[in-house]
Full PDB file with SEQRES, HELIX, SHEET, SSBOND, CRYST1, ORIGX, SCALE, CONECT and MASTER records, all heavy atoms in Angstrom:
SEQRES   1 A   40  THR ALA ARG TYR PRO LYS ALA SER LEU PRO LEU LEU PRO          
SEQRES   2 A   40  ARG LYS VAL LEU PHE VAL GLY GLU SER ASP ILE CYS GLU          
SEQRES   3 A   40  ARG ARG ALA MET PHE ASN ASP ILE VAL LYS SER ILE SER          
SEQRES   4 A   40  LYS                                                          
HELIX    1 AA1 GLU A   21  SER A   39  1                                  19    
CRYST1    1.000    1.000    1.000  90.00  90.00  90.00 P 1           1          
ORIGX1      1.000000  0.000000  0.000000        0.00000                         
ORIGX2      0.000000  1.000000  0.000000        0.00000                         
ORIGX3      0.000000  0.000000  1.000000        0.00000                         
SCALE1      1.000000  0.000000  0.000000        0.00000                         
SCALE2      0.000000  1.000000  0.000000        0.00000                         
SCALE3      0.000000  0.000000  1.000000        0.00000                         
ATOM      1  N   THR A   1      -2.213   9.161  -6.988  1.00  0.00           N  
ATOM      2  CA  THR A   1      -1.924  10.264  -6.054  1.00  0.00           C  
ATOM      3  C   THR A   1      -1.496  11.529  -6.781  1.00  0.00           C  
ATOM      4  O   THR A   1      -1.731  12.637  -6.322  1.00  0.00           O  
ATOM      5  CB  THR A   1      -0.830   9.873  -5.030  1.00  0.00           C  
ATOM      6  OG1 THR A   1       0.304   9.324  -5.713  1.00  0.00           O  
ATOM      7  CG2 THR A   1      -1.357   8.857  -4.015  1.00  0.00           C  
ATOM      8  N   ALA A   2      -0.879  11.339  -7.978  1.00  0.00           N  
ATOM      9  CA  ALA A   2      -0.453  12.549  -8.768  1.00  0.00           C  
ATOM     10  C   ALA A   2      -1.675  13.203  -9.399  1.00  0.00           C  
ATOM     11  O   ALA A   2      -1.792  14.430  -9.406  1.00  0.00           O  
ATOM     12  CB  ALA A   2       0.515  12.106  -9.868  1.00  0.00           C  
ATOM     13  N   ARG A   3      -2.641  12.371  -9.861  1.00  0.00           N  
ATOM     14  CA  ARG A   3      -3.820  12.939 -10.526  1.00  0.00           C  
ATOM     15  C   ARG A   3      -4.887  13.390  -9.582  1.00  0.00           C  
ATOM     16  O   ARG A   3      -5.646  14.329  -9.848  1.00  0.00           O  
ATOM     17  CB  ARG A   3      -4.384  11.916 -11.519  1.00  0.00           C  
ATOM     18  CG  ARG A   3      -5.506  12.468 -12.335  1.00  0.00           C  
ATOM     19  CD  ARG A   3      -5.946  11.596 -13.474  1.00  0.00           C  
ATOM     20  NE  ARG A   3      -7.117  12.189 -14.117  1.00  0.00           N  
ATOM     21  CZ  ARG A   3      -7.887  11.545 -14.947  1.00  0.00           C  
ATOM     22  NH1 ARG A   3      -7.579  10.358 -15.333  1.00  0.00           N  
ATOM     23  NH2 ARG A   3      -8.949  12.139 -15.468  1.00  0.00           N  
ATOM     24  N   TYR A   4      -4.990  12.695  -8.434  1.00  0.00           N  
ATOM     25  CA  TYR A   4      -6.015  13.046  -7.434  1.00  0.00           C  
ATOM     26  C   TYR A   4      -5.318  13.353  -6.100  1.00  0.00           C  
ATOM     27  O   TYR A   4      -5.356  12.547  -5.165  1.00  0.00           O  
ATOM     28  CB  TYR A   4      -6.994  11.867  -7.252  1.00  0.00           C  
ATOM     29  CG  TYR A   4      -7.611  11.392  -8.548  1.00  0.00           C  
ATOM     30  CD1 TYR A   4      -7.057  10.338  -9.266  1.00  0.00           C  
ATOM     31  CD2 TYR A   4      -8.750  12.037  -9.061  1.00  0.00           C  
ATOM     32  CE1 TYR A   4      -7.590   9.909 -10.447  1.00  0.00           C  
ATOM     33  CE2 TYR A   4      -9.295  11.589 -10.265  1.00  0.00           C  
ATOM     34  CZ  TYR A   4      -8.746  10.529 -10.964  1.00  0.00           C  
ATOM     35  OH  TYR A   4      -9.280  10.095 -12.143  1.00  0.00           O  
ATOM     36  N   PRO A   5      -4.676  14.525  -5.970  1.00  0.00           N  
ATOM     37  CA  PRO A   5      -3.908  14.837  -4.774  1.00  0.00           C  
ATOM     38  C   PRO A   5      -4.778  14.896  -3.521  1.00  0.00           C  
ATOM     39  O   PRO A   5      -4.235  14.732  -2.417  1.00  0.00           O  
ATOM     40  CB  PRO A   5      -3.262  16.199  -5.093  1.00  0.00           C  
ATOM     41  CG  PRO A   5      -4.020  16.761  -6.264  1.00  0.00           C  
ATOM     42  CD  PRO A   5      -4.602  15.583  -6.996  1.00  0.00           C  
ATOM     43  N   LYS A   6      -6.064  15.151  -3.675  1.00  0.00           N  
ATOM     44  CA  LYS A   6      -6.937  15.245  -2.486  1.00  0.00           C  
ATOM     45  C   LYS A   6      -7.313  13.885  -1.929  1.00  0.00           C  
ATOM     46  O   LYS A   6      -7.780  13.784  -0.798  1.00  0.00           O  
ATOM     47  CB  LYS A   6      -8.226  16.031  -2.832  1.00  0.00           C  
ATOM     48  CG  LYS A   6      -7.959  17.518  -3.071  1.00  0.00           C  
ATOM     49  CD  LYS A   6      -9.239  18.256  -3.360  1.00  0.00           C  
ATOM     50  CE  LYS A   6      -8.944  19.713  -3.640  1.00  0.00           C  
ATOM     51  NZ  LYS A   6     -10.145  20.427  -4.125  1.00  0.00           N  
ATOM     52  N   ALA A   7      -7.144  12.854  -2.707  1.00  0.00           N  
ATOM     53  CA  ALA A   7      -7.503  11.505  -2.253  1.00  0.00           C  
ATOM     54  C   ALA A   7      -6.518  11.079  -1.147  1.00  0.00           C  
ATOM     55  O   ALA A   7      -5.302  11.147  -1.352  1.00  0.00           O  
ATOM     56  CB  ALA A   7      -7.438  10.526  -3.398  1.00  0.00           C  
ATOM     57  N   SER A   8      -7.061  10.677   0.001  1.00  0.00           N  
ATOM     58  CA  SER A   8      -6.169  10.287   1.096  1.00  0.00           C  
ATOM     59  C   SER A   8      -6.061   8.777   1.136  1.00  0.00           C  
ATOM     60  O   SER A   8      -6.894   8.086   1.723  1.00  0.00           O  
ATOM     61  CB  SER A   8      -6.692  10.816   2.400  1.00  0.00           C  
ATOM     62  OG  SER A   8      -8.035  10.414   2.603  1.00  0.00           O  
ATOM     63  N   LEU A   9      -5.039   8.231   0.460  1.00  0.00           N  
ATOM     64  CA  LEU A   9      -4.841   6.815   0.412  1.00  0.00           C  
ATOM     65  C   LEU A   9      -3.917   6.368   1.555  1.00  0.00           C  
ATOM     66  O   LEU A   9      -3.046   7.138   1.958  1.00  0.00           O  
ATOM     67  CB  LEU A   9      -4.222   6.375  -0.913  1.00  0.00           C  
ATOM     68  CG  LEU A   9      -5.122   6.494  -2.152  1.00  0.00           C  
ATOM     69  CD1 LEU A   9      -4.336   6.137  -3.402  1.00  0.00           C  
ATOM     70  CD2 LEU A   9      -6.332   5.574  -2.031  1.00  0.00           C  
ATOM     71  N   PRO A  10      -4.062   5.156   2.040  1.00  0.00           N  
ATOM     72  CA  PRO A  10      -3.116   4.654   3.034  1.00  0.00           C  
ATOM     73  C   PRO A  10      -1.717   4.651   2.445  1.00  0.00           C  
ATOM     74  O   PRO A  10      -1.511   4.610   1.257  1.00  0.00           O  
ATOM     75  CB  PRO A  10      -3.600   3.206   3.303  1.00  0.00           C  
ATOM     76  CG  PRO A  10      -5.022   3.173   2.834  1.00  0.00           C  
ATOM     77  CD  PRO A  10      -5.132   4.180   1.738  1.00  0.00           C  
ATOM     78  N   LEU A  11      -0.715   4.634   3.342  1.00  0.00           N  
ATOM     79  CA  LEU A  11       0.678   4.650   2.894  1.00  0.00           C  
ATOM     80  C   LEU A  11       1.054   3.396   2.139  1.00  0.00           C  
ATOM     81  O   LEU A  11       0.568   2.297   2.420  1.00  0.00           O  
ATOM     82  CB  LEU A  11       1.609   4.814   4.077  1.00  0.00           C  
ATOM     83  CG  LEU A  11       1.642   6.184   4.763  1.00  0.00           C  
ATOM     84  CD1 LEU A  11       2.471   6.129   6.026  1.00  0.00           C  
ATOM     85  CD2 LEU A  11       2.167   7.220   3.803  1.00  0.00           C  
ATOM     86  N   LEU A  12       1.927   3.591   1.126  1.00  0.00           N  
ATOM     87  CA  LEU A  12       2.457   2.473   0.362  1.00  0.00           C  
ATOM     88  C   LEU A  12       3.539   1.758   1.185  1.00  0.00           C  
ATOM     89  O   LEU A  12       4.298   2.412   1.873  1.00  0.00           O  
ATOM     90  CB  LEU A  12       3.080   3.025  -0.934  1.00  0.00           C  
ATOM     91  CG  LEU A  12       3.411   2.094  -2.081  1.00  0.00           C  
ATOM     92  CD1 LEU A  12       2.118   1.538  -2.711  1.00  0.00           C  
ATOM     93  CD2 LEU A  12       4.215   2.826  -3.148  1.00  0.00           C  
ATOM     94  N   PRO A  13       3.631   0.425   1.111  1.00  0.00           N  
ATOM     95  CA  PRO A  13       4.677  -0.276   1.874  1.00  0.00           C  
ATOM     96  C   PRO A  13       6.060   0.208   1.392  1.00  0.00           C  
ATOM     97  O   PRO A  13       6.241   0.525   0.251  1.00  0.00           O  
ATOM     98  CB  PRO A  13       4.480  -1.730   1.504  1.00  0.00           C  
ATOM     99  CG  PRO A  13       3.153  -1.861   0.846  1.00  0.00           C  
ATOM    100  CD  PRO A  13       2.790  -0.503   0.345  1.00  0.00           C  
ATOM    101  N   ARG A  14       6.995   0.222   2.347  1.00  0.00           N  
ATOM    102  CA  ARG A  14       8.353   0.715   1.994  1.00  0.00           C  
ATOM    103  C   ARG A  14       9.020  -0.263   1.020  1.00  0.00           C  
ATOM    104  O   ARG A  14       8.734  -1.472   1.025  1.00  0.00           O  
ATOM    105  CB  ARG A  14       9.165   0.922   3.254  1.00  0.00           C  
ATOM    106  CG  ARG A  14       9.440  -0.318   4.019  1.00  0.00           C  
ATOM    107  CD  ARG A  14       9.875  -0.053   5.448  1.00  0.00           C  
ATOM    108  NE  ARG A  14       9.861  -1.297   6.192  1.00  0.00           N  
ATOM    109  CZ  ARG A  14      10.866  -2.139   6.263  1.00  0.00           C  
ATOM    110  NH1 ARG A  14      11.971  -1.904   5.595  1.00  0.00           N  
ATOM    111  NH2 ARG A  14      10.798  -3.260   6.939  1.00  0.00           N  
ATOM    112  N   LYS A  15       9.975   0.309   0.270  1.00  0.00           N  
ATOM    113  CA  LYS A  15      10.677  -0.498  -0.723  1.00  0.00           C  
ATOM    114  C   LYS A  15      11.981  -1.020  -0.097  1.00  0.00           C  
ATOM    115  O   LYS A  15      12.751  -0.246   0.484  1.00  0.00           O  
ATOM    116  CB  LYS A  15      11.015   0.361  -1.930  1.00  0.00           C  
ATOM    117  CG  LYS A  15      11.329  -0.381  -3.166  1.00  0.00           C  
ATOM    118  CD  LYS A  15      11.412   0.571  -4.308  1.00  0.00           C  
ATOM    119  CE  LYS A  15      10.961  -0.125  -5.569  1.00  0.00           C  
ATOM    120  NZ  LYS A  15      10.878   0.807  -6.697  1.00  0.00           N  
ATOM    121  N   VAL A  16      12.225  -2.315  -0.119  1.00  0.00           N  
ATOM    122  CA  VAL A  16      13.465  -2.902   0.374  1.00  0.00           C  
ATOM    123  C   VAL A  16      14.060  -3.783  -0.683  1.00  0.00           C  
ATOM    124  O   VAL A  16      13.357  -4.321  -1.535  1.00  0.00           O  
ATOM    125  CB  VAL A  16      13.231  -3.700   1.697  1.00  0.00           C  
ATOM    126  CG1 VAL A  16      12.932  -2.781   2.843  1.00  0.00           C  
ATOM    127  CG2 VAL A  16      12.121  -4.727   1.513  1.00  0.00           C  
ATOM    128  N   LEU A  17      15.381  -3.935  -0.682  1.00  0.00           N  
ATOM    129  CA  LEU A  17      16.055  -4.747  -1.709  1.00  0.00           C  
ATOM    130  C   LEU A  17      15.781  -6.219  -1.488  1.00  0.00           C  
ATOM    131  O   LEU A  17      15.460  -6.934  -2.441  1.00  0.00           O  
ATOM    132  CB  LEU A  17      17.551  -4.462  -1.660  1.00  0.00           C  
ATOM    133  CG  LEU A  17      18.368  -5.058  -2.804  1.00  0.00           C  
ATOM    134  CD1 LEU A  17      17.836  -4.578  -4.159  1.00  0.00           C  
ATOM    135  CD2 LEU A  17      19.836  -4.694  -2.647  1.00  0.00           C  
ATOM    136  N   PHE A  18      15.926  -6.693  -0.269  1.00  0.00           N  
ATOM    137  CA  PHE A  18      15.658  -8.111   0.010  1.00  0.00           C  
ATOM    138  C   PHE A  18      14.388  -8.231   0.845  1.00  0.00           C  
ATOM    139  O   PHE A  18      14.280  -7.690   1.936  1.00  0.00           O  
ATOM    140  CB  PHE A  18      16.843  -8.736   0.757  1.00  0.00           C  
ATOM    141  CG  PHE A  18      18.105  -8.721  -0.060  1.00  0.00           C  
ATOM    142  CD1 PHE A  18      19.104  -7.796   0.179  1.00  0.00           C  
ATOM    143  CD2 PHE A  18      18.279  -9.623  -1.091  1.00  0.00           C  
ATOM    144  CE1 PHE A  18      20.235  -7.775  -0.578  1.00  0.00           C  
ATOM    145  CE2 PHE A  18      19.414  -9.621  -1.864  1.00  0.00           C  
ATOM    146  CZ  PHE A  18      20.396  -8.680  -1.614  1.00  0.00           C  
ATOM    147  N   VAL A  19      13.411  -8.952   0.294  1.00  0.00           N  
ATOM    148  CA  VAL A  19      12.081  -9.040   0.921  1.00  0.00           C  
ATOM    149  C   VAL A  19      11.927 -10.389   1.601  1.00  0.00           C  
ATOM    150  O   VAL A  19      12.103 -11.414   0.947  1.00  0.00           O  
ATOM    151  CB  VAL A  19      10.970  -8.828  -0.129  1.00  0.00           C  
ATOM    152  CG1 VAL A  19       9.606  -8.879   0.511  1.00  0.00           C  
ATOM    153  CG2 VAL A  19      11.189  -7.525  -0.863  1.00  0.00           C  
ATOM    154  N   GLY A  20      11.583 -10.401   2.871  1.00  0.00           N  
ATOM    155  CA  GLY A  20      11.333 -11.610   3.616  1.00  0.00           C  
ATOM    156  C   GLY A  20       9.847 -11.921   3.686  1.00  0.00           C  
ATOM    157  O   GLY A  20       9.000 -11.135   3.259  1.00  0.00           O  
ATOM    158  N   GLU A  21       9.539 -13.087   4.250  1.00  0.00           N  
ATOM    159  CA  GLU A  21       8.133 -13.531   4.354  1.00  0.00           C  
ATOM    160  C   GLU A  21       7.284 -12.532   5.145  1.00  0.00           C  
ATOM    161  O   GLU A  21       6.144 -12.225   4.743  1.00  0.00           O  
ATOM    162  CB  GLU A  21       8.110 -14.888   5.070  1.00  0.00           C  
ATOM    163  CG  GLU A  21       6.798 -15.638   4.896  1.00  0.00           C  
ATOM    164  CD  GLU A  21       6.589 -16.210   3.507  1.00  0.00           C  
ATOM    165  OE1 GLU A  21       7.562 -16.527   2.831  1.00  0.00           O  
ATOM    166  OE2 GLU A  21       5.404 -16.314   3.115  1.00  0.00           O  
ATOM    167  N   SER A  22       7.851 -11.974   6.218  1.00  0.00           N  
ATOM    168  CA  SER A  22       7.047 -11.015   7.022  1.00  0.00           C  
ATOM    169  C   SER A  22       6.777  -9.742   6.241  1.00  0.00           C  
ATOM    170  O   SER A  22       5.728  -9.149   6.360  1.00  0.00           O  
ATOM    171  CB  SER A  22       7.788 -10.693   8.327  1.00  0.00           C  
ATOM    172  OG  SER A  22       9.058 -10.096   8.055  1.00  0.00           O  
ATOM    173  N   ASP A  23       7.761  -9.339   5.418  1.00  0.00           N  
ATOM    174  CA  ASP A  23       7.548  -8.110   4.591  1.00  0.00           C  
ATOM    175  C   ASP A  23       6.419  -8.363   3.585  1.00  0.00           C  
ATOM    176  O   ASP A  23       5.592  -7.477   3.343  1.00  0.00           O  
ATOM    177  CB  ASP A  23       8.834  -7.799   3.766  1.00  0.00           C  
ATOM    178  CG  ASP A  23      10.007  -7.437   4.683  1.00  0.00           C  
ATOM    179  OD1 ASP A  23       9.827  -6.543   5.528  1.00  0.00           O  
ATOM    180  OD2 ASP A  23      11.078  -8.031   4.511  1.00  0.00           O  
ATOM    181  N   ILE A  24       6.407  -9.543   2.989  1.00  0.00           N  
ATOM    182  CA  ILE A  24       5.385  -9.881   1.971  1.00  0.00           C  
ATOM    183  C   ILE A  24       3.995  -9.874   2.610  1.00  0.00           C  
ATOM    184  O   ILE A  24       3.035  -9.333   2.069  1.00  0.00           O  
ATOM    185  CB  ILE A  24       5.683 -11.249   1.326  1.00  0.00           C  
ATOM    186  CG1 ILE A  24       7.039 -11.178   0.564  1.00  0.00           C  
ATOM    187  CG2 ILE A  24       4.572 -11.657   0.370  1.00  0.00           C  
ATOM    188  CD1 ILE A  24       7.541 -12.545   0.099  1.00  0.00           C  
ATOM    189  N   CYS A  25       3.898 -10.483   3.811  1.00  0.00           N  
ATOM    190  CA  CYS A  25       2.596 -10.519   4.520  1.00  0.00           C  
ATOM    191  C   CYS A  25       2.121  -9.085   4.858  1.00  0.00           C  
ATOM    192  O   CYS A  25       0.969  -8.764   4.725  1.00  0.00           O  
ATOM    193  CB  CYS A  25       2.707 -11.337   5.809  1.00  0.00           C  
ATOM    194  SG  CYS A  25       2.969 -13.080   5.511  1.00  0.00           S  
ATOM    195  N   GLU A  26       3.094  -8.292   5.283  1.00  0.00           N  
ATOM    196  CA  GLU A  26       2.775  -6.880   5.625  1.00  0.00           C  
ATOM    197  C   GLU A  26       2.321  -6.113   4.375  1.00  0.00           C  
ATOM    198  O   GLU A  26       1.375  -5.346   4.410  1.00  0.00           O  
ATOM    199  CB  GLU A  26       4.007  -6.231   6.235  1.00  0.00           C  
ATOM    200  CG  GLU A  26       3.754  -4.825   6.791  1.00  0.00           C  
ATOM    201  CD  GLU A  26       5.049  -4.142   7.287  1.00  0.00           C  
ATOM    202  OE1 GLU A  26       6.014  -4.849   7.599  1.00  0.00           O  
ATOM    203  OE2 GLU A  26       5.056  -2.919   7.350  1.00  0.00           O  
ATOM    204  N   ARG A  27       3.037  -6.359   3.283  1.00  0.00           N  
ATOM    205  CA  ARG A  27       2.674  -5.686   2.018  1.00  0.00           C  
ATOM    206  C   ARG A  27       1.282  -6.078   1.566  1.00  0.00           C  
ATOM    207  O   ARG A  27       0.477  -5.230   1.141  1.00  0.00           O  
ATOM    208  CB  ARG A  27       3.677  -6.052   0.907  1.00  0.00           C  
ATOM    209  CG  ARG A  27       5.010  -5.341   0.996  1.00  0.00           C  
ATOM    210  CD  ARG A  27       5.933  -5.706  -0.121  1.00  0.00           C  
ATOM    211  NE  ARG A  27       7.145  -4.906  -0.074  1.00  0.00           N  
ATOM    212  CZ  ARG A  27       8.047  -4.910  -1.028  1.00  0.00           C  
ATOM    213  NH1 ARG A  27       7.948  -5.712  -2.074  1.00  0.00           N  
ATOM    214  NH2 ARG A  27       9.129  -4.150  -0.969  1.00  0.00           N  
ATOM    215  N   ARG A  28       0.952  -7.395   1.664  1.00  0.00           N  
ATOM    216  CA  ARG A  28      -0.385  -7.833   1.240  1.00  0.00           C  
ATOM    217  C   ARG A  28      -1.466  -7.060   2.044  1.00  0.00           C  
ATOM    218  O   ARG A  28      -2.434  -6.580   1.479  1.00  0.00           O  
ATOM    219  CB  ARG A  28      -0.540  -9.328   1.446  1.00  0.00           C  
ATOM    220  CG  ARG A  28      -1.879  -9.852   0.896  1.00  0.00           C  
ATOM    221  CD  ARG A  28      -2.396 -11.053   1.675  1.00  0.00           C  
ATOM    222  NE  ARG A  28      -2.653 -10.781   3.084  1.00  0.00           N  
ATOM    223  CZ  ARG A  28      -3.734 -10.146   3.537  1.00  0.00           C  
ATOM    224  NH1 ARG A  28      -4.659  -9.671   2.716  1.00  0.00           N  
ATOM    225  NH2 ARG A  28      -3.871  -9.950   4.846  1.00  0.00           N  
ATOM    226  N   ALA A  29      -1.251  -6.987   3.370  1.00  0.00           N  
ATOM    227  CA  ALA A  29      -2.231  -6.296   4.242  1.00  0.00           C  
ATOM    228  C   ALA A  29      -2.334  -4.790   3.866  1.00  0.00           C  
ATOM    229  O   ALA A  29      -3.449  -4.239   3.819  1.00  0.00           O  
ATOM    230  CB  ALA A  29      -1.837  -6.435   5.697  1.00  0.00           C  
ATOM    231  N   MET A  30      -1.200  -4.190   3.570  1.00  0.00           N  
ATOM    232  CA  MET A  30      -1.219  -2.762   3.221  1.00  0.00           C  
ATOM    233  C   MET A  30      -1.826  -2.528   1.847  1.00  0.00           C  
ATOM    234  O   MET A  30      -2.582  -1.573   1.627  1.00  0.00           O  
ATOM    235  CB  MET A  30       0.202  -2.173   3.287  1.00  0.00           C  
ATOM    236  CG  MET A  30       0.748  -2.125   4.722  1.00  0.00           C  
ATOM    237  SD  MET A  30       2.465  -1.562   4.834  1.00  0.00           S  
ATOM    238  CE  MET A  30       2.269   0.205   4.758  1.00  0.00           C  
ATOM    239  N   PHE A  31      -1.530  -3.421   0.891  1.00  0.00           N  
ATOM    240  CA  PHE A  31      -2.121  -3.323  -0.448  1.00  0.00           C  
ATOM    241  C   PHE A  31      -3.652  -3.516  -0.333  1.00  0.00           C  
ATOM    242  O   PHE A  31      -4.429  -2.875  -1.053  1.00  0.00           O  
ATOM    243  CB  PHE A  31      -1.551  -4.374  -1.392  1.00  0.00           C  
ATOM    244  CG  PHE A  31      -0.150  -4.057  -1.870  1.00  0.00           C  
ATOM    245  CD1 PHE A  31       0.745  -5.060  -2.185  1.00  0.00           C  
ATOM    246  CD2 PHE A  31       0.265  -2.726  -2.043  1.00  0.00           C  
ATOM    247  CE1 PHE A  31       2.037  -4.771  -2.622  1.00  0.00           C  
ATOM    248  CE2 PHE A  31       1.564  -2.432  -2.483  1.00  0.00           C  
ATOM    249  CZ  PHE A  31       2.430  -3.467  -2.786  1.00  0.00           C  
ATOM    250  N   ASN A  32      -4.064  -4.411   0.567  1.00  0.00           N  
ATOM    251  CA  ASN A  32      -5.488  -4.658   0.770  1.00  0.00           C  
ATOM    252  C   ASN A  32      -6.177  -3.385   1.245  1.00  0.00           C  
ATOM    253  O   ASN A  32      -7.263  -3.018   0.739  1.00  0.00           O  
ATOM    254  CB  ASN A  32      -5.677  -5.793   1.783  1.00  0.00           C  
ATOM    255  CG  ASN A  32      -7.103  -6.240   1.886  1.00  0.00           C  
ATOM    256  OD1 ASN A  32      -7.728  -6.634   0.900  1.00  0.00           O  
ATOM    257  ND2 ASN A  32      -7.670  -6.213   3.098  1.00  0.00           N  
ATOM    258  N   ASP A  33      -5.568  -2.680   2.190  1.00  0.00           N  
ATOM    259  CA  ASP A  33      -6.121  -1.405   2.685  1.00  0.00           C  
ATOM    260  C   ASP A  33      -6.163  -0.370   1.562  1.00  0.00           C  
ATOM    261  O   ASP A  33      -7.142   0.378   1.450  1.00  0.00           O  
ATOM    262  CB  ASP A  33      -5.258  -0.871   3.832  1.00  0.00           C  
ATOM    263  CG  ASP A  33      -5.368  -1.704   5.114  1.00  0.00           C  
ATOM    264  OD1 ASP A  33      -6.323  -2.496   5.188  1.00  0.00           O  
ATOM    265  OD2 ASP A  33      -4.480  -1.575   5.968  1.00  0.00           O  
ATOM    266  N   ILE A  34      -5.103  -0.338   0.752  1.00  0.00           N  
ATOM    267  CA  ILE A  34      -5.035   0.660  -0.321  1.00  0.00           C  
ATOM    268  C   ILE A  34      -6.164   0.431  -1.359  1.00  0.00           C  
ATOM    269  O   ILE A  34      -6.894   1.350  -1.718  1.00  0.00           O  
ATOM    270  CB  ILE A  34      -3.654   0.630  -1.032  1.00  0.00           C  
ATOM    271  CG1 ILE A  34      -2.589   1.208  -0.086  1.00  0.00           C  
ATOM    272  CG2 ILE A  34      -3.669   1.430  -2.336  1.00  0.00           C  
ATOM    273  CD1 ILE A  34      -1.139   0.989  -0.527  1.00  0.00           C  
ATOM    274  N   VAL A  35      -6.323  -0.832  -1.831  1.00  0.00           N  
ATOM    275  CA  VAL A  35      -7.323  -1.080  -2.870  1.00  0.00           C  
ATOM    276  C   VAL A  35      -8.749  -0.904  -2.312  1.00  0.00           C  
ATOM    277  O   VAL A  35      -9.633  -0.458  -3.038  1.00  0.00           O  
ATOM    278  CB  VAL A  35      -7.144  -2.460  -3.569  1.00  0.00           C  
ATOM    279  CG1 VAL A  35      -5.815  -2.532  -4.272  1.00  0.00           C  
ATOM    280  CG2 VAL A  35      -7.361  -3.630  -2.605  1.00  0.00           C  
ATOM    281  N   LYS A  36      -8.929  -1.227  -1.040  1.00  0.00           N  
ATOM    282  CA  LYS A  36     -10.254  -1.011  -0.415  1.00  0.00           C  
ATOM    283  C   LYS A  36     -10.571   0.473  -0.390  1.00  0.00           C  
ATOM    284  O   LYS A  36     -11.707   0.894  -0.652  1.00  0.00           O  
ATOM    285  CB  LYS A  36     -10.311  -1.605   0.999  1.00  0.00           C  
ATOM    286  CG  LYS A  36     -10.534  -3.130   1.014  1.00  0.00           C  
ATOM    287  CD  LYS A  36     -10.733  -3.614   2.427  1.00  0.00           C  
ATOM    288  CE  LYS A  36     -10.973  -5.103   2.471  1.00  0.00           C  
ATOM    289  NZ  LYS A  36     -12.135  -5.565   1.747  1.00  0.00           N  
ATOM    290  N   SER A  37      -9.551   1.254  -0.072  1.00  0.00           N  
ATOM    291  CA  SER A  37      -9.726   2.725  -0.034  1.00  0.00           C  
ATOM    292  C   SER A  37     -10.025   3.261  -1.428  1.00  0.00           C  
ATOM    293  O   SER A  37     -10.894   4.130  -1.583  1.00  0.00           O  
ATOM    294  CB  SER A  37      -8.441   3.347   0.512  1.00  0.00           C  
ATOM    295  OG  SER A  37      -8.595   4.753   0.633  1.00  0.00           O  
ATOM    296  N   ILE A  38      -9.340   2.731  -2.428  1.00  0.00           N  
ATOM    297  CA  ILE A  38      -9.554   3.160  -3.833  1.00  0.00           C  
ATOM    298  C   ILE A  38     -11.002   2.848  -4.259  1.00  0.00           C  
ATOM    299  O   ILE A  38     -11.676   3.653  -4.851  1.00  0.00           O  
ATOM    300  CB  ILE A  38      -8.548   2.460  -4.791  1.00  0.00           C  
ATOM    301  CG1 ILE A  38      -7.144   3.019  -4.579  1.00  0.00           C  
ATOM    302  CG2 ILE A  38      -8.988   2.628  -6.258  1.00  0.00           C  
ATOM    303  CD1 ILE A  38      -6.065   2.214  -5.323  1.00  0.00           C  
ATOM    304  N   SER A  39     -11.467   1.634  -3.885  1.00  0.00           N  
ATOM    305  CA  SER A  39     -12.805   1.201  -4.342  1.00  0.00           C  
ATOM    306  C   SER A  39     -13.929   1.963  -3.657  1.00  0.00           C  
ATOM    307  O   SER A  39     -15.057   1.970  -4.129  1.00  0.00           O  
ATOM    308  CB  SER A  39     -12.984  -0.304  -4.130  1.00  0.00           C  
ATOM    309  OG  SER A  39     -12.874  -0.638  -2.744  1.00  0.00           O  
ATOM    310  N   LYS A  40     -13.619   2.657  -2.553  1.00  0.00           N  
ATOM    311  CA  LYS A  40     -14.646   3.447  -1.858  1.00  0.00           C  
ATOM    312  C   LYS A  40     -14.741   4.874  -2.390  1.00  0.00           C  
ATOM    313  O   LYS A  40     -15.687   5.599  -2.101  1.00  0.00           O  
ATOM    314  CB  LYS A  40     -14.344   3.488  -0.332  1.00  0.00           C  
ATOM    315  CG  LYS A  40     -14.651   2.170   0.361  1.00  0.00           C  
ATOM    316  CD  LYS A  40     -14.211   2.247   1.804  1.00  0.00           C  
ATOM    317  CE  LYS A  40     -14.429   0.872   2.464  1.00  0.00           C  
ATOM    318  NZ  LYS A  40     -13.766   0.777   3.731  1.00  0.00           N  
TER     319      LYS A  40                                                      
MASTER        0    0    0    1    0    0    0    6  318    1    0    4          
END                                                                             
């Protein structure tokens, strides 16, 4: 995002100190959207 400011990537999952199972599942889905967007 710093090098390619025009690239519109989906939002990064928020950072939390203690991560639960639901957070991890949500992160996987969001990371999946991000890498798919990068590969396009």
